[in-house]
């Protein structure tokens, strides 16, 4: 089930044909998209549970707040935030393909978002800071965890939400981080699985003023194809300055 975007609507026969054509031209889709009326990518894994969980901690009315979504994949989260009244919204990803997918969805459904092809290491925003920063499913793919959090802190005016793979609390030291020496789930870009307290300590070392764990869920007891035990997922809220937010009274609800 995809993020429910408010601007999905009834399509004319001509629009349906154009959407279907665009879907085929932009394959493969990492995250699936359902345009309604039986039109979908019919491809892409379900990342939407994590989107919906993060959105549950975000105010219903963002009152024009600025947003950075990095990595954005095809920017469905950015568009869901626009539905909540976000102001200037920048969706960034290192993949040219997913940025083209994001532009296609936004143009098709009528969303005004800016996009940029860049990684967390070479991203250089024109706006120095954003009131809300979203970094979902990224940090365990990065060799330099401290450097990543330092960049996120620099770009965050108010609050940064981080969703990531973490070590299970049972049987692991929450202050540690497991270095992956090879593949993990057949993915060579997985570098680290940090513990809960390791993430908190790194974020604080990067000068976030406070860090909270909003969500933690262990995966079923099983192993990856390489034999590593499956771990857990968590969502963190890293606060730089609540007073800088457009509507600070609501950002701290959980």
Protein backbone atom coordinates (compact mmCIF):
# COMPACT_ATOMS: atom_id res chain seq x y z
CA UNK A 1 0.00 0.00 0.00
CA UNK A 2 1.50 3.33 -1.12
CA UNK A 3 1.44 6.71 0.57
CA UNK A 4 -2.01 8.20 -0.04
CA UNK A 5 -1.42 11.41 -1.98
CA UNK A 6 -4.32 13.84 -1.97
CA UNK A 7 -3.80 14.91 -5.56
CA UNK A 8 -4.39 11.46 -7.01
CA UNK A 9 -7.69 11.82 -8.89
CA UNK A 10 -9.87 10.39 -11.63
CA UNK A 11 -7.94 10.30 -14.90
CA UNK A 12 -9.19 10.75 -18.44
CA UNK A 13 -8.49 8.01 -20.97
CA UNK A 14 -5.76 10.20 -22.50
CA UNK A 15 -4.16 10.80 -19.09
CA UNK A 16 -4.26 7.08 -18.28
CA UNK A 17 -2.42 6.30 -21.49
CA UNK A 18 0.21 8.97 -20.75
CA UNK A 19 0.73 7.70 -17.19
CA UNK A 20 1.08 4.10 -18.36
CA UNK A 21 3.59 5.19 -21.01
CA UNK A 22 5.59 7.14 -18.43
CA UNK A 23 5.65 4.18 -16.04
CA UNK A 24 7.12 1.93 -18.71
CA UNK A 25 9.72 4.48 -19.80
CA UNK A 26 10.96 4.98 -16.22
CA UNK A 27 11.44 1.37 -15.14
CA UNK A 28 12.72 -0.10 -12.88
CA UNK A 29 10.78 1.35 -9.92
CA UNK A 30 12.48 0.83 -6.57
CA UNK A 31 9.41 2.06 -4.68
CA UNK A 32 6.04 1.18 -6.18
CA UNK A 33 3.47 3.84 -7.04
CA UNK A 34 -0.30 3.38 -7.22
CA UNK A 35 -1.93 6.10 -9.33
CA UNK A 36 -5.40 4.68 -8.74
CA UNK A 37 -7.98 3.35 -11.17
CA UNK A 38 -5.87 0.26 -11.71
CA UNK A 39 -2.79 2.20 -12.84
CA UNK A 40 0.36 1.29 -10.93
CA UNK A 41 4.01 0.53 -11.47
CA UNK A 42 3.32 -3.13 -10.47
CA UNK A 43 6.91 -3.10 -9.28
CA UNK A 44 8.80 -1.80 -6.29
CA UNK A 45 9.14 -2.86 -2.68
CA UNK A 46 7.02 -1.53 0.17
CA UNK A 47 8.87 1.28 1.90
CA UNK A 48 5.60 2.96 2.75
CA UNK A 49 5.23 1.51 6.23
CA UNK A 50 8.28 3.53 7.30
CA UNK A 51 6.89 6.63 5.53
CA UNK A 52 3.57 6.31 7.35
CA UNK A 53 5.31 5.79 10.70
CA UNK A 54 7.42 8.91 10.25
CA UNK A 55 4.39 10.91 9.13
CA UNK A 56 2.62 9.93 12.35
CA UNK A 57 5.16 12.11 14.23
CA UNK A 58 4.82 15.10 11.88
CA UNK A 59 2.28 17.91 12.43
CA UNK A 60 -0.86 17.68 10.29
CA UNK A 61 -0.33 21.30 9.25
CA UNK A 62 3.25 22.27 8.47
CA UNK A 63 2.23 25.89 7.83
CA UNK A 64 4.68 26.54 5.03
CA UNK A 65 7.72 25.03 6.73
CA UNK A 66 10.74 24.29 4.53
CA UNK A 67 11.61 20.62 3.93
CA UNK A 68 14.65 18.64 2.82
CA UNK A 69 14.02 15.00 1.85
CA UNK A 70 17.35 13.16 1.40
CA UNK A 71 17.42 10.52 0.03
CA UNK A 72 14.01 11.02 -1.52
CA UNK A 73 13.81 8.04 -3.90
CA UNK A 74 10.80 8.98 -6.06
CA UNK A 75 9.75 11.70 -3.58
CA UNK A 76 6.38 10.33 -2.50
CA UNK A 77 7.21 11.38 1.08
CA UNK A 78 7.94 14.92 -0.14
CA UNK A 79 4.55 15.03 -1.83
CA UNK A 80 2.79 13.71 1.27
CA UNK A 81 4.45 16.55 3.21
CA UNK A 82 3.18 19.05 0.63
CA UNK A 83 -0.29 17.65 1.33
CA UNK A 84 0.32 18.71 4.95
CA UNK A 85 1.10 22.27 4.00
CA UNK A 86 4.88 22.16 3.60
CA UNK A 87 6.42 25.17 1.93
CA UNK A 88 9.63 25.02 -0.15
CA UNK A 89 10.42 21.31 -0.49
CA UNK A 90 13.66 19.94 -1.91
CA UNK A 91 13.85 16.25 -2.82
CA UNK A 92 17.42 14.97 -3.29
CA UNK A 93 18.76 11.59 -4.40
CA UNK A 94 22.00 10.36 -5.95
CA UNK A 95 20.07 8.43 -8.63
CA UNK A 96 19.14 10.30 -11.80
CA UNK A 97 16.47 7.66 -12.53
CA UNK A 98 14.54 8.11 -9.28
CA UNK A 99 14.70 11.91 -9.63
CA UNK A 100 13.16 11.54 -13.09
CA UNK A 101 10.50 9.31 -11.51
CA UNK A 102 9.89 11.98 -8.85
CA UNK A 103 9.46 14.68 -11.49
CA UNK A 104 7.05 12.45 -13.41
CA UNK A 105 4.86 11.82 -10.34
CA UNK A 106 4.95 15.49 -9.31
CA UNK A 107 4.11 16.79 -12.78
CA UNK A 108 1.39 14.19 -13.28
CA UNK A 109 -0.31 14.92 -9.94
CA UNK A 110 0.37 18.65 -9.74
CA UNK A 111 2.91 18.89 -6.91
CA UNK A 112 5.35 21.80 -6.68
CA UNK A 113 8.64 20.37 -5.41
CA UNK A 114 12.25 21.04 -6.33
CA UNK A 115 14.54 18.12 -7.12
CA UNK A 116 18.29 17.64 -7.27
CA UNK A 117 20.61 14.77 -8.15
CA UNK A 118 23.24 14.57 -5.41
CA UNK A 119 24.54 12.31 -2.65
CA UNK A 120 24.68 13.30 1.00
CA UNK A 121 28.41 13.95 0.51
CA UNK A 122 28.20 16.33 -2.48
CA UNK A 123 24.84 18.01 -1.77
CA UNK A 124 25.28 21.78 -1.44
CA UNK A 125 21.92 23.45 -0.79
CA UNK A 126 21.16 27.01 -1.88
CA UNK A 127 19.09 27.41 1.27
CA UNK A 128 21.49 26.99 4.22
CA UNK A 129 18.96 25.26 6.49
CA UNK A 130 15.54 23.61 6.49
CA UNK A 131 12.95 23.50 9.24
CA UNK A 132 12.34 19.79 8.65
CA UNK A 133 14.90 17.30 7.35
CA UNK A 134 14.03 13.68 6.55
CA UNK A 135 16.74 11.05 6.13
CA UNK A 136 15.09 7.65 5.78
CA UNK A 137 16.86 4.36 5.05
CA UNK A 138 20.26 5.85 4.36
CA UNK A 139 22.81 6.03 7.16
CA UNK A 140 23.62 2.30 7.25
CA UNK A 141 24.60 2.63 3.58
CA UNK A 142 27.29 5.20 4.43
CA UNK A 143 30.90 4.43 5.42
CA UNK A 144 31.16 7.69 7.43
CA UNK A 145 28.34 7.80 10.00
CA UNK A 146 29.75 10.76 11.93
CA UNK A 147 30.27 12.82 8.78
CA UNK A 148 26.70 12.05 7.66
CA UNK A 149 25.22 13.29 10.93
CA UNK A 150 27.41 16.40 10.84
CA UNK A 151 25.97 17.24 7.42
CA UNK A 152 22.41 16.58 8.56
CA UNK A 153 22.94 18.79 11.61
CA UNK A 154 24.32 21.60 9.45
CA UNK A 155 21.24 21.53 7.19
CA UNK A 156 18.67 21.25 10.02
CA UNK A 157 17.16 24.43 11.37
CA UNK A 158 14.52 22.66 13.45
CA UNK A 159 14.24 18.88 13.50
CA UNK A 160 15.66 15.94 11.53
CA UNK A 161 13.94 12.56 11.33
CA UNK A 162 16.28 9.60 10.77
CA UNK A 163 14.99 6.10 9.98
CA UNK A 164 17.53 3.29 9.86
CA UNK A 165 18.45 -0.33 10.42
CA UNK A 166 19.69 -0.81 14.00
CA UNK A 167 20.98 -3.66 16.14
CA UNK A 168 18.45 -5.67 18.10
CA UNK A 169 18.39 -4.71 21.76
CA UNK A 170 18.57 -8.31 22.92
CA UNK A 171 22.06 -9.76 22.76
CA UNK A 172 23.81 -6.66 21.42
CA UNK A 173 25.58 -3.72 23.01
CA UNK A 174 23.37 -0.70 22.13
CA UNK A 175 26.43 1.56 22.22
CA UNK A 176 28.21 -0.43 19.50
CA UNK A 177 27.94 -0.59 15.72
CA UNK A 178 28.42 -3.74 13.65
CA UNK A 179 30.73 -3.28 10.66
CA UNK A 180 29.58 -5.38 7.69
CA UNK A 181 32.68 -6.95 6.13
CA UNK A 182 30.96 -8.00 2.91
CA UNK A 183 27.44 -8.29 1.58
CA UNK A 184 24.35 -7.93 3.75
CA UNK A 185 21.14 -9.05 2.07
CA UNK A 186 23.16 -9.27 -1.16
CA UNK A 187 23.75 -5.50 -1.02
CA UNK A 188 27.37 -4.27 -1.15
CA UNK A 189 26.33 -0.75 -0.05
CA UNK A 190 25.44 -1.82 3.50
CA UNK A 191 28.31 -0.69 5.75
CA UNK A 192 27.11 -0.49 9.34
CA UNK A 193 24.32 -1.59 11.65
CA UNK A 194 24.48 0.83 14.59
CA UNK A 195 23.02 0.27 18.03
CA UNK A 196 20.30 2.55 19.38
CA UNK A 197 22.65 4.35 21.77
CA UNK A 198 25.36 4.56 19.12
CA UNK A 199 23.00 6.54 16.88
CA UNK A 200 22.03 8.84 19.77
CA UNK A 201 25.67 9.43 20.75
CA UNK A 202 26.80 10.09 17.17
CA UNK A 203 23.93 12.54 16.60
CA UNK A 204 24.75 14.38 19.80
CA UNK A 205 28.45 14.43 18.91
CA UNK A 206 27.34 16.06 15.64
CA UNK A 207 25.80 18.81 17.85
CA UNK A 208 22.13 17.98 17.67
CA UNK A 209 20.77 19.39 20.92
CA UNK A 210 18.57 16.40 21.76
CA UNK A 211 17.79 13.01 20.24
CA UNK A 212 14.74 10.83 20.86
CA UNK A 213 13.83 7.31 19.78
CA UNK A 214 10.31 7.48 18.35
CA UNK A 215 9.95 3.93 17.08
CA UNK A 216 11.75 0.60 17.42
CA UNK A 217 10.69 -2.75 15.95
CA UNK A 218 12.64 -5.99 15.75
CA UNK A 219 12.48 -8.06 12.59
CA UNK A 220 11.39 -11.73 12.70
CA UNK A 221 14.11 -14.04 13.96
CA UNK A 222 15.75 -15.19 10.76
CA UNK A 223 18.99 -14.68 8.85
CA UNK A 224 20.10 -12.96 5.67
CA UNK A 225 21.28 -15.04 2.73
CA UNK A 226 24.83 -14.47 4.05
CA UNK A 227 23.89 -15.89 7.45
CA UNK A 228 23.68 -12.66 9.49
CA UNK A 229 20.78 -12.47 12.00
CA UNK A 230 18.09 -10.00 10.99
CA UNK A 231 18.09 -6.94 13.22
CA UNK A 232 15.60 -4.09 13.76
CA UNK A 233 14.42 -0.71 12.46
CA UNK A 234 14.16 2.54 14.37
CA UNK A 235 13.11 6.16 13.90
CA UNK A 236 14.98 8.97 15.64
CA UNK A 237 14.04 12.62 16.06
CA UNK A 238 17.13 14.82 16.21
CA UNK A 239 16.30 18.33 17.38
CA UNK A 240 18.42 21.36 16.61
CA UNK A 241 16.09 24.18 17.58
CA UNK A 242 12.38 23.67 18.24
CA UNK A 243 11.92 27.44 18.50
CA UNK A 244 13.00 27.77 14.86
CA UNK A 245 10.04 25.72 13.64
CA UNK A 246 7.01 27.33 12.06
CA UNK A 247 4.71 25.55 14.53
CA UNK A 248 6.94 24.27 17.36
CA UNK A 249 4.16 23.28 19.73
CA UNK A 250 3.29 20.25 17.65
CA UNK A 251 6.62 18.88 16.47
CA UNK A 252 7.42 17.33 19.83
CA UNK A 253 4.31 15.16 20.03
CA UNK A 254 4.93 11.42 19.75
